[in-house]
Amino acid sequence: MTESDFILVVDDDDDIRESICSLLQDEGHTVIAAANGQEALDALRKHGLPCLILLDLMMPVMGGAEFRQRQLADWQLAKVPVVLITAAGHAVAKAIPADGLLPKPLKAEAVIGAVESFCAHAA
């Protein structure tokens, strides 16, 4: 797997996931969406490594914490930065190793800022 110029957005809430994807696409980024951790792992196997994963914590099928454990256990996937997106609060998020945290409700500027920290902007 090689690093690609896309962002993986993982959130079970259709409205939130679609809003993030639309925002980032409007900013010129390529986005792949997943509704849970299992879909995210499948997307990584299919599409390769993104420049960033925006990861919700509370999801059915496979939550963010389990996804992160599996990601970190795979040496190829472990190098992809992860920014958590959660309403659970900082205390819960601190228990999960991540490269950043975006609290819900999300602010567009914060999402864009997090992405710009890890991904080259599409021209």
PDB file of N, CA and C in Angstrom:
ATOM      1  N   MET A   1       0.838  -1.184   0.000  1.00  0.00           N
ATOM      2  CA  MET A   1       0.000   0.000   0.000  1.00  0.00           C
ATOM      3  C   MET A   1       0.880   1.244   0.000  1.00  0.00           C
ATOM      4  N   THR A   2       0.509   2.196  -0.815  1.00  0.00           N
ATOM      5  CA  THR A   2       1.221   3.462  -0.834  1.00  0.00           C
ATOM      6  C   THR A   2       0.262   4.573  -0.442  1.00  0.00           C
ATOM      7  N   GLU A   3       0.824   5.682   0.028  1.00  0.00           N
ATOM      8  CA  GLU A   3      -0.018   6.794   0.461  1.00  0.00           C
ATOM      9  C   GLU A   3      -0.656   7.470  -0.739  1.00  0.00           C
ATOM     10  N   SER A   4      -1.932   7.721  -0.627  1.00  0.00           N
ATOM     11  CA  SER A   4      -2.679   8.382  -1.685  1.00  0.00           C
ATOM     12  C   SER A   4      -3.140   9.747  -1.217  1.00  0.00           C
ATOM     13  N   ASP A   5      -3.565  10.548  -2.161  1.00  0.00           N
ATOM     14  CA  ASP A   5      -4.033  11.882  -1.833  1.00  0.00           C
ATOM     15  C   ASP A   5      -5.545  11.871  -1.652  1.00  0.00           C
ATOM     16  N   PHE A   6      -6.004  11.141  -0.624  1.00  0.00           N
ATOM     17  CA  PHE A   6      -7.417  11.180  -0.277  1.00  0.00           C
ATOM     18  C   PHE A   6      -7.553  11.135   1.234  1.00  0.00           C
ATOM     19  N   ILE A   7      -8.739  11.487   1.687  1.00  0.00           N
ATOM     20  CA  ILE A   7      -9.053  11.502   3.109  1.00  0.00           C
ATOM     21  C   ILE A   7     -10.140  10.467   3.333  1.00  0.00           C
ATOM     22  N   LEU A   8      -9.992   9.664   4.372  1.00  0.00           N
ATOM     23  CA  LEU A   8     -11.002   8.676   4.736  1.00  0.00           C
ATOM     24  C   LEU A   8     -11.820   9.240   5.894  1.00  0.00           C
ATOM     25  N   VAL A   9     -13.123   9.405   5.669  1.00  0.00           N
ATOM     26  CA  VAL A   9     -14.041   9.920   6.689  1.00  0.00           C
ATOM     27  C   VAL A   9     -14.875   8.752   7.199  1.00  0.00           C
ATOM     28  N   VAL A  10     -14.790   8.496   8.508  1.00  0.00           N
ATOM     29  CA  VAL A  10     -15.477   7.347   9.103  1.00  0.00           C
ATOM     30  C   VAL A  10     -16.436   7.848  10.179  1.00  0.00           C
ATOM     31  N   ASP A  11     -17.731   7.790   9.891  1.00  0.00           N
ATOM     32  CA  ASP A  11     -18.756   8.221  10.843  1.00  0.00           C
ATOM     33  C   ASP A  11     -20.056   7.521  10.481  1.00  0.00           C
ATOM     34  N   ASP A  12     -20.768   7.019  11.485  1.00  0.00           N
ATOM     35  CA  ASP A  12     -22.012   6.301  11.231  1.00  0.00           C
ATOM     36  C   ASP A  12     -23.196   7.229  10.986  1.00  0.00           C
ATOM     37  N   ASP A  13     -23.067   8.496  11.336  1.00  0.00           N
ATOM     38  CA  ASP A  13     -24.148   9.461  11.126  1.00  0.00           C
ATOM     39  C   ASP A  13     -24.088   9.958   9.683  1.00  0.00           C
ATOM     40  N   ASP A  14     -25.099   9.591   8.897  1.00  0.00           N
ATOM     41  CA  ASP A  14     -25.107   9.940   7.472  1.00  0.00           C
ATOM     42  C   ASP A  14     -24.951  11.438   7.248  1.00  0.00           C
ATOM     43  N   ASP A  15     -25.681  12.239   8.011  1.00  0.00           N
ATOM     44  CA  ASP A  15     -25.639  13.691   7.826  1.00  0.00           C
ATOM     45  C   ASP A  15     -24.253  14.259   8.112  1.00  0.00           C
ATOM     46  N   ILE A  16     -23.651  13.815   9.207  1.00  0.00           N
ATOM     47  CA  ILE A  16     -22.313  14.310   9.558  1.00  0.00           C
ATOM     48  C   ILE A  16     -21.297  13.860   8.516  1.00  0.00           C
ATOM     49  N   ARG A  17     -21.335  12.574   8.168  1.00  0.00           N
ATOM     50  CA  ARG A  17     -20.392  12.032   7.184  1.00  0.00           C
ATOM     51  C   ARG A  17     -20.511  12.773   5.850  1.00  0.00           C
ATOM     52  N   GLU A  18     -21.733  12.949   5.383  1.00  0.00           N
ATOM     53  CA  GLU A  18     -21.951  13.637   4.111  1.00  0.00           C
ATOM     54  C   GLU A  18     -21.534  15.101   4.185  1.00  0.00           C
ATOM     55  N   SER A  19     -21.774  15.754   5.319  1.00  0.00           N
ATOM     56  CA  SER A  19     -21.378  17.159   5.476  1.00  0.00           C
ATOM     57  C   SER A  19     -19.860  17.308   5.431  1.00  0.00           C
ATOM     58  N   ILE A  20     -19.146  16.421   6.123  1.00  0.00           N
ATOM     59  CA  ILE A  20     -17.677  16.474   6.114  1.00  0.00           C
ATOM     60  C   ILE A  20     -17.158  16.222   4.705  1.00  0.00           C
ATOM     61  N   CYS A  21     -17.703  15.209   4.054  1.00  0.00           N
ATOM     62  CA  CYS A  21     -17.259  14.881   2.694  1.00  0.00           C
ATOM     63  C   CYS A  21     -17.497  16.052   1.749  1.00  0.00           C
ATOM     64  N   SER A  22     -18.658  16.648   1.827  1.00  0.00           N
ATOM     65  CA  SER A  22     -18.989  17.777   0.958  1.00  0.00           C
ATOM     66  C   SER A  22     -18.062  18.957   1.225  1.00  0.00           C
ATOM     67  N   LEU A  23     -17.834  19.261   2.490  1.00  0.00           N
ATOM     68  CA  LEU A  23     -16.931  20.356   2.864  1.00  0.00           C
ATOM     69  C   LEU A  23     -15.541  20.139   2.286  1.00  0.00           C
ATOM     70  N   LEU A  24     -15.020  18.937   2.455  1.00  0.00           N
ATOM     71  CA  LEU A  24     -13.658  18.656   1.991  1.00  0.00           C
ATOM     72  C   LEU A  24     -13.572  18.603   0.464  1.00  0.00           C
ATOM     73  N   GLN A  25     -14.597  18.082  -0.168  1.00  0.00           N
ATOM     74  CA  GLN A  25     -14.617  18.082  -1.637  1.00  0.00           C
ATOM     75  C   GLN A  25     -14.670  19.509  -2.174  1.00  0.00           C
ATOM     76  N   ASP A  26     -15.436  20.370  -1.503  1.00  0.00           N
ATOM     77  CA  ASP A  26     -15.490  21.781  -1.900  1.00  0.00           C
ATOM     78  C   ASP A  26     -14.125  22.450  -1.761  1.00  0.00           C
ATOM     79  N   GLU A  27     -13.296  21.930  -0.854  1.00  0.00           N
ATOM     80  CA  GLU A  27     -11.942  22.455  -0.649  1.00  0.00           C
ATOM     81  C   GLU A  27     -10.937  21.826  -1.615  1.00  0.00           C
ATOM     82  N   GLY A  28     -11.409  20.925  -2.480  1.00  0.00           N
ATOM     83  CA  GLY A  28     -10.548  20.328  -3.492  1.00  0.00           C
ATOM     84  C   GLY A  28      -9.939  18.994  -3.132  1.00  0.00           C
ATOM     85  N   HIS A  29     -10.412  18.371  -2.051  1.00  0.00           N
ATOM     86  CA  HIS A  29      -9.861  17.083  -1.621  1.00  0.00           C
ATOM     87  C   HIS A  29     -10.688  15.924  -2.168  1.00  0.00           C
ATOM     88  N   THR A  30     -10.039  14.804  -2.373  1.00  0.00           N
ATOM     89  CA  THR A  30     -10.720  13.560  -2.703  1.00  0.00           C
ATOM     90  C   THR A  30     -11.057  12.879  -1.386  1.00  0.00           C
ATOM     91  N   VAL A  31     -12.288  12.401  -1.259  1.00  0.00           N
ATOM     92  CA  VAL A  31     -12.757  11.833   0.004  1.00  0.00           C
ATOM     93  C   VAL A  31     -13.388  10.474  -0.254  1.00  0.00           C
ATOM     94  N   ILE A  32     -13.101   9.537   0.641  1.00  0.00           N
ATOM     95  CA  ILE A  32     -13.779   8.244   0.661  1.00  0.00           C
ATOM     96  C   ILE A  32     -14.461   8.145   2.016  1.00  0.00           C
ATOM     97  N   ALA A  33     -15.705   7.686   2.009  1.00  0.00           N
ATOM     98  CA  ALA A  33     -16.491   7.628   3.239  1.00  0.00           C
ATOM     99  C   ALA A  33     -16.740   6.191   3.665  1.00  0.00           C
ATOM    100  N   ALA A  34     -16.828   5.990   4.982  1.00  0.00           N
ATOM    101  CA  ALA A  34     -17.168   4.698   5.565  1.00  0.00           C
ATOM    102  C   ALA A  34     -18.095   4.944   6.752  1.00  0.00           C
ATOM    103  N   ALA A  35     -19.048   4.042   6.960  1.00  0.00           N
ATOM    104  CA  ALA A  35     -20.036   4.211   8.021  1.00  0.00           C
ATOM    105  C   ALA A  35     -19.634   3.550   9.340  1.00  0.00           C
ATOM    106  N   ASN A  36     -18.541   2.779   9.342  1.00  0.00           N
ATOM    107  CA  ASN A  36     -18.069   2.147  10.573  1.00  0.00           C
ATOM    108  C   ASN A  36     -16.633   1.675  10.368  1.00  0.00           C
ATOM    109  N   GLY A  37     -16.041   1.167  11.422  1.00  0.00           N
ATOM    110  CA  GLY A  37     -14.649   0.751  11.361  1.00  0.00           C
ATOM    111  C   GLY A  37     -14.381  -0.381  10.382  1.00  0.00           C
ATOM    112  N   GLN A  38     -15.309  -1.320  10.263  1.00  0.00           N
ATOM    113  CA  GLN A  38     -15.118  -2.422   9.318  1.00  0.00           C
ATOM    114  C   GLN A  38     -15.112  -1.914   7.886  1.00  0.00           C
ATOM    115  N   GLU A  39     -16.044  -1.018   7.562  1.00  0.00           N
ATOM    116  CA  GLU A  39     -16.049  -0.423   6.225  1.00  0.00           C
ATOM    117  C   GLU A  39     -14.756   0.355   5.979  1.00  0.00           C
ATOM    118  N   ALA A  40     -14.249   0.991   7.026  1.00  0.00           N
ATOM    119  CA  ALA A  40     -13.002   1.749   6.887  1.00  0.00           C
ATOM    120  C   ALA A  40     -11.831   0.821   6.584  1.00  0.00           C
ATOM    121  N   LEU A  41     -11.741  -0.306   7.274  1.00  0.00           N
ATOM    122  CA  LEU A  41     -10.671  -1.269   6.992  1.00  0.00           C
ATOM    123  C   LEU A  41     -10.793  -1.797   5.566  1.00  0.00           C
ATOM    124  N   ASP A  42     -12.018  -2.085   5.152  1.00  0.00           N
ATOM    125  CA  ASP A  42     -12.241  -2.552   3.780  1.00  0.00           C
ATOM    126  C   ASP A  42     -11.805  -1.494   2.775  1.00  0.00           C
ATOM    127  N   ALA A  43     -12.113  -0.228   3.038  1.00  0.00           N
ATOM    128  CA  ALA A  43     -11.730   0.861   2.141  1.00  0.00           C
ATOM    129  C   ALA A  43     -10.215   0.998   2.064  1.00  0.00           C
ATOM    130  N   LEU A  44      -9.529   0.825   3.186  1.00  0.00           N
ATOM    131  CA  LEU A  44      -8.061   0.908   3.188  1.00  0.00           C
ATOM    132  C   LEU A  44      -7.458  -0.212   2.346  1.00  0.00           C
ATOM    133  N   ARG A  45      -8.030  -1.396   2.439  1.00  0.00           N
ATOM    134  CA  ARG A  45      -7.532  -2.519   1.639  1.00  0.00           C
ATOM    135  C   ARG A  45      -7.785  -2.294   0.149  1.00  0.00           C
ATOM    136  N   LYS A  46      -8.901  -1.650  -0.178  1.00  0.00           N
ATOM    137  CA  LYS A  46      -9.272  -1.438  -1.569  1.00  0.00           C
ATOM    138  C   LYS A  46      -8.556  -0.242  -2.200  1.00  0.00           C
ATOM    139  N   HIS A  47      -8.447   0.866  -1.456  1.00  0.00           N
ATOM    140  CA  HIS A  47      -7.971   2.125  -2.031  1.00  0.00           C
ATOM    141  C   HIS A  47      -6.545   2.505  -1.633  1.00  0.00           C
ATOM    142  N   GLY A  48      -5.953   1.812  -0.679  1.00  0.00           N
ATOM    143  CA  GLY A  48      -4.623   2.185  -0.224  1.00  0.00           C
ATOM    144  C   GLY A  48      -4.680   3.132   0.961  1.00  0.00           C
ATOM    145  N   LEU A  49      -3.569   3.790   1.209  1.00  0.00           N
ATOM    146  CA  LEU A  49      -3.452   4.626   2.403  1.00  0.00           C
ATOM    147  C   LEU A  49      -3.826   6.071   2.119  1.00  0.00           C
ATOM    148  N   PRO A  50      -4.726   6.622   2.921  1.00  0.00           N
ATOM    149  CA  PRO A  50      -5.072   8.034   2.775  1.00  0.00           C
ATOM    150  C   PRO A  50      -4.020   8.916   3.449  1.00  0.00           C
ATOM    151  N   CYS A  51      -4.110  10.206   3.214  1.00  0.00           N
ATOM    152  CA  CYS A  51      -3.215  11.132   3.924  1.00  0.00           C
ATOM    153  C   CYS A  51      -3.712  11.361   5.344  1.00  0.00           C
ATOM    154  N   LEU A  52      -5.005  11.073   5.597  1.00  0.00           N
ATOM    155  CA  LEU A  52      -5.598  11.289   6.917  1.00  0.00           C
ATOM    156  C   LEU A  52      -6.868  10.467   7.051  1.00  0.00           C
ATOM    157  N   ILE A  53      -7.132  10.017   8.289  1.00  0.00           N
ATOM    158  CA  ILE A  53      -8.406   9.388   8.626  1.00  0.00           C
ATOM    159  C   ILE A  53      -9.089  10.261   9.661  1.00  0.00           C
ATOM    160  N   LEU A  54     -10.312  10.701   9.355  1.00  0.00           N
ATOM    161  CA  LEU A  54     -11.163  11.385  10.333  1.00  0.00           C
ATOM    162  C   LEU A  54     -12.084  10.313  10.885  1.00  0.00           C
ATOM    163  N   LEU A  55     -11.971  10.027  12.179  1.00  0.00           N
ATOM    164  CA  LEU A  55     -12.577   8.829  12.773  1.00  0.00           C
ATOM    165  C   LEU A  55     -13.508   9.154  13.928  1.00  0.00           C
ATOM    166  N   ASP A  56     -14.772   8.787  13.762  1.00  0.00           N
ATOM    167  CA  ASP A  56     -15.741   8.858  14.854  1.00  0.00           C
ATOM    168  C   ASP A  56     -15.442   7.709  15.823  1.00  0.00           C
ATOM    169  N   LEU A  57     -15.819   7.887  17.081  1.00  0.00           N
ATOM    170  CA  LEU A  57     -15.574   6.829  18.063  1.00  0.00           C
ATOM    171  C   LEU A  57     -16.760   5.891  18.225  1.00  0.00           C
ATOM    172  N   MET A  58     -17.945   6.439  18.418  1.00  0.00           N
ATOM    173  CA  MET A  58     -19.127   5.634  18.722  1.00  0.00           C
ATOM    174  C   MET A  58     -19.841   5.246  17.428  1.00  0.00           C
ATOM    175  N   MET A  59     -19.644   3.981  17.004  1.00  0.00           N
ATOM    176  CA  MET A  59     -20.273   3.482  15.776  1.00  0.00           C
ATOM    177  C   MET A  59     -20.658   2.022  15.970  1.00  0.00           C
ATOM    178  N   PRO A  60     -21.717   1.584  15.271  1.00  0.00           N
ATOM    179  CA  PRO A  60     -22.061   0.155  15.313  1.00  0.00           C
ATOM    180  C   PRO A  60     -21.085  -0.656  14.460  1.00  0.00           C
ATOM    181  N   VAL A  61     -21.195  -1.947  14.538  1.00  0.00           N
ATOM    182  CA  VAL A  61     -20.383  -2.929  13.810  1.00  0.00           C
ATOM    183  C   VAL A  61     -18.949  -2.922  14.340  1.00  0.00           C
ATOM    184  N   MET A  62     -18.204  -1.838  14.116  1.00  0.00           N
ATOM    185  CA  MET A  62     -16.868  -1.674  14.682  1.00  0.00           C
ATOM    186  C   MET A  62     -16.682  -0.201  15.002  1.00  0.00           C
ATOM    187  N   GLY A  63     -16.514   0.088  16.274  1.00  0.00           N
ATOM    188  CA  GLY A  63     -16.324   1.464  16.716  1.00  0.00           C
ATOM    189  C   GLY A  63     -14.918   1.973  16.446  1.00  0.00           C
ATOM    190  N   GLY A  64     -14.724   3.238  16.719  1.00  0.00           N
ATOM    191  CA  GLY A  64     -13.448   3.876  16.463  1.00  0.00           C
ATOM    192  C   GLY A  64     -12.297   3.298  17.267  1.00  0.00           C
ATOM    193  N   ALA A  65     -12.552   2.930  18.519  1.00  0.00           N
ATOM    194  CA  ALA A  65     -11.484   2.386  19.358  1.00  0.00           C
ATOM    195  C   ALA A  65     -10.980   1.051  18.799  1.00  0.00           C
ATOM    196  N   GLU A  66     -11.892   0.172  18.404  1.00  0.00           N
ATOM    197  CA  GLU A  66     -11.480  -1.118  17.844  1.00  0.00           C
ATOM    198  C   GLU A  66     -10.783  -0.925  16.493  1.00  0.00           C
ATOM    199  N   PHE A  67     -11.321  -0.024  15.666  1.00  0.00           N
ATOM    200  CA  PHE A  67     -10.661   0.271  14.397  1.00  0.00           C
ATOM    201  C   PHE A  67      -9.228   0.724  14.642  1.00  0.00           C
ATOM    202  N   ARG A  68      -9.068   1.631  15.598  1.00  0.00           N
ATOM    203  CA  ARG A  68      -7.729   2.182  15.867  1.00  0.00           C
ATOM    204  C   ARG A  68      -6.782   1.084  16.351  1.00  0.00           C
ATOM    205  N   GLN A  69      -7.251   0.174  17.173  1.00  0.00           N
ATOM    206  CA  GLN A  69      -6.425  -0.954  17.629  1.00  0.00           C
ATOM    207  C   GLN A  69      -5.960  -1.787  16.435  1.00  0.00           C
ATOM    208  N   ARG A  70      -6.880  -2.096  15.544  1.00  0.00           N
ATOM    209  CA  ARG A  70      -6.532  -2.906  14.368  1.00  0.00           C
ATOM    210  C   ARG A  70      -5.604  -2.141  13.436  1.00  0.00           C
ATOM    211  N   GLN A  71      -5.843  -0.850  13.297  1.00  0.00           N
ATOM    212  CA  GLN A  71      -4.987  -0.035  12.438  1.00  0.00           C
ATOM    213  C   GLN A  71      -3.563  -0.019  12.986  1.00  0.00           C
ATOM    214  N   LEU A  72      -3.413   0.218  14.271  1.00  0.00           N
ATOM    215  CA  LEU A  72      -2.082   0.304  14.874  1.00  0.00           C
ATOM    216  C   LEU A  72      -1.362  -1.037  14.886  1.00  0.00           C
ATOM    217  N   ALA A  73      -2.113  -2.137  14.819  1.00  0.00           N
ATOM    218  CA  ALA A  73      -1.509  -3.469  14.805  1.00  0.00           C
ATOM    219  C   ALA A  73      -0.943  -3.828  13.431  1.00  0.00           C
ATOM    220  N   ASP A  74      -1.310  -3.066  12.411  1.00  0.00           N
ATOM    221  CA  ASP A  74      -0.831  -3.306  11.049  1.00  0.00           C
ATOM    222  C   ASP A  74       0.231  -2.259  10.732  1.00  0.00           C
ATOM    223  N   TRP A  75       1.471  -2.669  10.537  1.00  0.00           N
ATOM    224  CA  TRP A  75       2.566  -1.714  10.394  1.00  0.00           C
ATOM    225  C   TRP A  75       2.370  -0.765   9.217  1.00  0.00           C
ATOM    226  N   GLN A  76       1.700  -1.219   8.154  1.00  0.00           N
ATOM    227  CA  GLN A  76       1.465  -0.339   7.002  1.00  0.00           C
ATOM    228  C   GLN A  76       0.389   0.698   7.315  1.00  0.00           C
ATOM    229  N   LEU A  77      -0.674   0.262   7.954  1.00  0.00           N
ATOM    230  CA  LEU A  77      -1.777   1.169   8.272  1.00  0.00           C
ATOM    231  C   LEU A  77      -1.448   2.100   9.432  1.00  0.00           C
ATOM    232  N   ALA A  78      -0.556   1.657  10.313  1.00  0.00           N
ATOM    233  CA  ALA A  78      -0.255   2.418  11.530  1.00  0.00           C
ATOM    234  C   ALA A  78       0.313   3.800  11.251  1.00  0.00           C
ATOM    235  N   LYS A  79       0.944   3.981  10.095  1.00  0.00           N
ATOM    236  CA  LYS A  79       1.573   5.270   9.815  1.00  0.00           C
ATOM    237  C   LYS A  79       0.587   6.348   9.360  1.00  0.00           C
ATOM    238  N   VAL A  80      -0.666   5.977   9.074  1.00  0.00           N
ATOM    239  CA  VAL A  80      -1.658   6.953   8.633  1.00  0.00           C
ATOM    240  C   VAL A  80      -2.155   7.746   9.846  1.00  0.00           C
ATOM    241  N   PRO A  81      -2.058   9.070   9.803  1.00  0.00           N
ATOM    242  CA  PRO A  81      -2.539   9.869  10.935  1.00  0.00           C
ATOM    243  C   PRO A  81      -4.056   9.797  11.082  1.00  0.00           C
ATOM    244  N   VAL A  82      -4.495   9.866  12.336  1.00  0.00           N
ATOM    245  CA  VAL A  82      -5.919   9.791  12.662  1.00  0.00           C
ATOM    246  C   VAL A  82      -6.294  10.979  13.535  1.00  0.00           C
ATOM    247  N   VAL A  83      -7.365  11.664  13.138  1.00  0.00           N
ATOM    248  CA  VAL A  83      -7.958  12.711  13.961  1.00  0.00           C
ATOM    249  C   VAL A  83      -9.328  12.203  14.374  1.00  0.00           C
ATOM    250  N   LEU A  84      -9.560  12.144  15.680  1.00  0.00           N
ATOM    251  CA  LEU A  84     -10.833  11.667  16.199  1.00  0.00           C
ATOM    252  C   LEU A  84     -11.882  12.761  16.082  1.00  0.00           C
ATOM    253  N   ILE A  85     -13.096  12.364  15.715  1.00  0.00           N
ATOM    254  CA  ILE A  85     -14.234  13.277  15.725  1.00  0.00           C
ATOM    255  C   ILE A  85     -15.270  12.653  16.651  1.00  0.00           C
ATOM    256  N   THR A  86     -15.567  13.341  17.758  1.00  0.00           N
ATOM    257  CA  THR A  86     -16.427  12.717  18.759  1.00  0.00           C
ATOM    258  C   THR A  86     -17.146  13.737  19.629  1.00  0.00           C
ATOM    259  N   ALA A  87     -18.299  13.337  20.096  1.00  0.00           N
ATOM    260  CA  ALA A  87     -19.033  14.104  21.084  1.00  0.00           C
ATOM    261  C   ALA A  87     -18.770  13.550  22.479  1.00  0.00           C
ATOM    262  N   ALA A  88     -17.965  12.497  22.558  1.00  0.00           N
ATOM    263  CA  ALA A  88     -17.719  11.805  23.827  1.00  0.00           C
ATOM    264  C   ALA A  88     -16.883  12.633  24.798  1.00  0.00           C
ATOM    265  N   GLY A  89     -16.180  13.614  24.310  1.00  0.00           N
ATOM    266  CA  GLY A  89     -15.382  14.459  25.188  1.00  0.00           C
ATOM    267  C   GLY A  89     -13.922  14.072  25.194  1.00  0.00           C
ATOM    268  N   HIS A  90     -13.126  14.984  25.723  1.00  0.00           N
ATOM    269  CA  HIS A  90     -11.669  14.815  25.716  1.00  0.00           C
ATOM    270  C   HIS A  90     -11.212  13.632  26.564  1.00  0.00           C
ATOM    271  N   ALA A  91     -11.877  13.369  27.700  1.00  0.00           N
ATOM    272  CA  ALA A  91     -11.441  12.284  28.581  1.00  0.00           C
ATOM    273  C   ALA A  91     -11.508  10.939  27.867  1.00  0.00           C
ATOM    274  N   VAL A  92     -12.601  10.691  27.170  1.00  0.00           N
ATOM    275  CA  VAL A  92     -12.751   9.438  26.434  1.00  0.00           C
ATOM    276  C   VAL A  92     -11.747   9.377  25.296  1.00  0.00           C
ATOM    277  N   ALA A  93     -11.621  10.473  24.562  1.00  0.00           N
ATOM    278  CA  ALA A  93     -10.723  10.508  23.410  1.00  0.00           C
ATOM    279  C   ALA A  93      -9.265  10.333  23.816  1.00  0.00           C
ATOM    280  N   LYS A  94      -8.882  10.809  24.991  1.00  0.00           N
ATOM    281  CA  LYS A  94      -7.486  10.683  25.433  1.00  0.00           C
ATOM    282  C   LYS A  94      -7.073   9.231  25.621  1.00  0.00           C
ATOM    283  N   ALA A  95      -8.036   8.342  25.837  1.00  0.00           N
ATOM    284  CA  ALA A  95      -7.731   6.921  26.030  1.00  0.00           C
ATOM    285  C   ALA A  95      -7.366   6.238  24.717  1.00  0.00           C
ATOM    286  N   ILE A  96      -7.580   6.920  23.604  1.00  0.00           N
ATOM    287  CA  ILE A  96      -7.307   6.340  22.289  1.00  0.00           C
ATOM    288  C   ILE A  96      -6.194   7.144  21.634  1.00  0.00           C
ATOM    289  N   PRO A  97      -5.091   6.486  21.277  1.00  0.00           N
ATOM    290  CA  PRO A  97      -3.996   7.228  20.656  1.00  0.00           C
ATOM    291  C   PRO A  97      -4.434   7.807  19.307  1.00  0.00           C
ATOM    292  N   ALA A  98      -4.226   9.106  19.152  1.00  0.00           N
ATOM    293  CA  ALA A  98      -4.607   9.773  17.907  1.00  0.00           C
ATOM    294  C   ALA A  98      -3.718  10.986  17.703  1.00  0.00           C
ATOM    295  N   ASP A  99      -3.771  11.516  16.488  1.00  0.00           N
ATOM    296  CA  ASP A  99      -2.957  12.671  16.128  1.00  0.00           C
ATOM    297  C   ASP A  99      -3.692  13.984  16.317  1.00  0.00           C
ATOM    298  N   GLY A 100      -4.963  13.912  16.692  1.00  0.00           N
ATOM    299  CA  GLY A 100      -5.743  15.118  16.925  1.00  0.00           C
ATOM    300  C   GLY A 100      -7.159  14.773  17.333  1.00  0.00           C
ATOM    301  N   LEU A 101      -7.898  15.801  17.725  1.00  0.00           N
ATOM    302  CA  LEU A 101      -9.279  15.631  18.179  1.00  0.00           C
ATOM    303  C   LEU A 101     -10.113  16.798  17.680  1.00  0.00           C
ATOM    304  N   LEU A 102     -11.252  16.467  17.085  1.00  0.00           N
ATOM    305  CA  LEU A 102     -12.234  17.466  16.687  1.00  0.00           C
ATOM    306  C   LEU A 102     -13.523  17.160  17.447  1.00  0.00           C
ATOM    307  N   PRO A 103     -13.897  18.025  18.399  1.00  0.00           N
ATOM    308  CA  PRO A 103     -15.131  17.769  19.145  1.00  0.00           C
ATOM    309  C   PRO A 103     -16.371  18.071  18.306  1.00  0.00           C
ATOM    310  N   LYS A 104     -17.408  17.270  18.516  1.00  0.00           N
ATOM    311  CA  LYS A 104     -18.707  17.529  17.904  1.00  0.00           C
ATOM    312  C   LYS A 104     -19.482  18.450  18.830  1.00  0.00           C
ATOM    313  N   PRO A 105     -20.267  19.372  18.329  1.00  0.00           N
ATOM    314  CA  PRO A 105     -20.529  19.613  16.914  1.00  0.00           C
ATOM    315  C   PRO A 105     -19.294  20.190  16.222  1.00  0.00           C
ATOM    316  N   LEU A 106     -19.078  19.728  15.006  1.00  0.00           N
ATOM    317  CA  LEU A 106     -17.888  20.117  14.253  1.00  0.00           C
ATOM    318  C   LEU A 106     -18.011  21.534  13.709  1.00  0.00           C
ATOM    319  N   LYS A 107     -16.877  22.210  13.681  1.00  0.00           N
ATOM    320  CA  LYS A 107     -16.780  23.522  13.055  1.00  0.00           C
ATOM    321  C   LYS A 107     -15.988  23.352  11.759  1.00  0.00           C
ATOM    322  N   ALA A 108     -16.501  23.902  10.671  1.00  0.00           N
ATOM    323  CA  ALA A 108     -15.885  23.740   9.356  1.00  0.00           C
ATOM    324  C   ALA A 108     -14.418  24.163   9.377  1.00  0.00           C
ATOM    325  N   GLU A 109     -14.113  25.272  10.012  1.00  0.00           N
ATOM    326  CA  GLU A 109     -12.738  25.771  10.043  1.00  0.00           C
ATOM    327  C   GLU A 109     -11.804  24.783  10.736  1.00  0.00           C
ATOM    328  N   ALA A 110     -12.290  24.136  11.786  1.00  0.00           N
ATOM    329  CA  ALA A 110     -11.466  23.173  12.521  1.00  0.00           C
ATOM    330  C   ALA A 110     -11.196  21.932  11.671  1.00  0.00           C
ATOM    331  N   VAL A 111     -12.201  21.475  10.943  1.00  0.00           N
ATOM    332  CA  VAL A 111     -12.032  20.308  10.075  1.00  0.00           C
ATOM    333  C   VAL A 111     -11.015  20.629   8.986  1.00  0.00           C
ATOM    334  N   ILE A 112     -11.184  21.762   8.340  1.00  0.00           N
ATOM    335  CA  ILE A 112     -10.256  22.170   7.281  1.00  0.00           C
ATOM    336  C   ILE A 112      -8.842  22.330   7.822  1.00  0.00           C
ATOM    337  N   GLY A 113      -8.720  22.923   8.992  1.00  0.00           N
ATOM    338  CA  GLY A 113      -7.401  23.092   9.608  1.00  0.00           C
ATOM    339  C   GLY A 113      -6.724  21.778   9.897  1.00  0.00           C
ATOM    340  N   ALA A 114      -7.485  20.811  10.417  1.00  0.00           N
ATOM    341  CA  ALA A 114      -6.921  19.496  10.714  1.00  0.00           C
ATOM    342  C   ALA A 114      -6.447  18.823   9.434  1.00  0.00           C
ATOM    343  N   VAL A 115      -7.248  18.901   8.396  1.00  0.00           N
ATOM    344  CA  VAL A 115      -6.895  18.279   7.127  1.00  0.00           C
ATOM    345  C   VAL A 115      -5.651  18.938   6.543  1.00  0.00           C
ATOM    346  N   GLU A 116      -5.584  20.260   6.591  1.00  0.00           N
ATOM    347  CA  GLU A 116      -4.428  20.966   6.031  1.00  0.00           C
ATOM    348  C   GLU A 116      -3.144  20.644   6.796  1.00  0.00           C
ATOM    349  N   SER A 117      -3.267  20.217   8.040  1.00  0.00           N
ATOM    350  CA  SER A 117      -2.080  19.842   8.814  1.00  0.00           C
ATOM    351  C   SER A 117      -1.447  18.538   8.304  1.00  0.00           C
ATOM    352  N   PHE A 118      -2.262  17.680   7.683  1.00  0.00           N
ATOM    353  CA  PHE A 118      -1.782  16.360   7.285  1.00  0.00           C
ATOM    354  C   PHE A 118      -1.795  16.093   5.788  1.00  0.00           C
ATOM    355  N   CYS A 119      -2.569  16.845   5.027  1.00  0.00           N
ATOM    356  CA  CYS A 119      -2.755  16.550   3.605  1.00  0.00           C
ATOM    357  C   CYS A 119      -2.397  17.756   2.748  1.00  0.00           C
ATOM    358  N   ALA A 120      -1.743  17.463   1.634  1.00  0.00           N
ATOM    359  CA  ALA A 120      -1.488  18.512   0.652  1.00  0.00           C
ATOM    360  C   ALA A 120      -2.816  18.871   0.004  1.00  0.00           C
ATOM    361  N   HIS A 121      -3.037  20.148  -0.197  1.00  0.00           N
ATOM    362  CA  HIS A 121      -4.293  20.596  -0.811  1.00  0.00           C
ATOM    363  C   HIS A 121      -4.288  20.268  -2.299  1.00  0.00           C
ATOM    364  N   ALA A 122      -5.406  19.761  -2.761  1.00  0.00           N
ATOM    365  CA  ALA A 122      -5.532  19.460  -4.192  1.00  0.00           C
ATOM    366  C   ALA A 122      -5.496  20.760  -4.988  1.00  0.00           C
ATOM    367  N   ALA A 123      -4.814  20.737  -6.084  1.00  0.00           N
ATOM    368  CA  ALA A 123      -4.703  21.966  -6.898  1.00  0.00           C
ATOM    369  C   ALA A 123      -5.874  22.100  -7.840  1.00  0.00           C
TER     370      ALA A 123
END
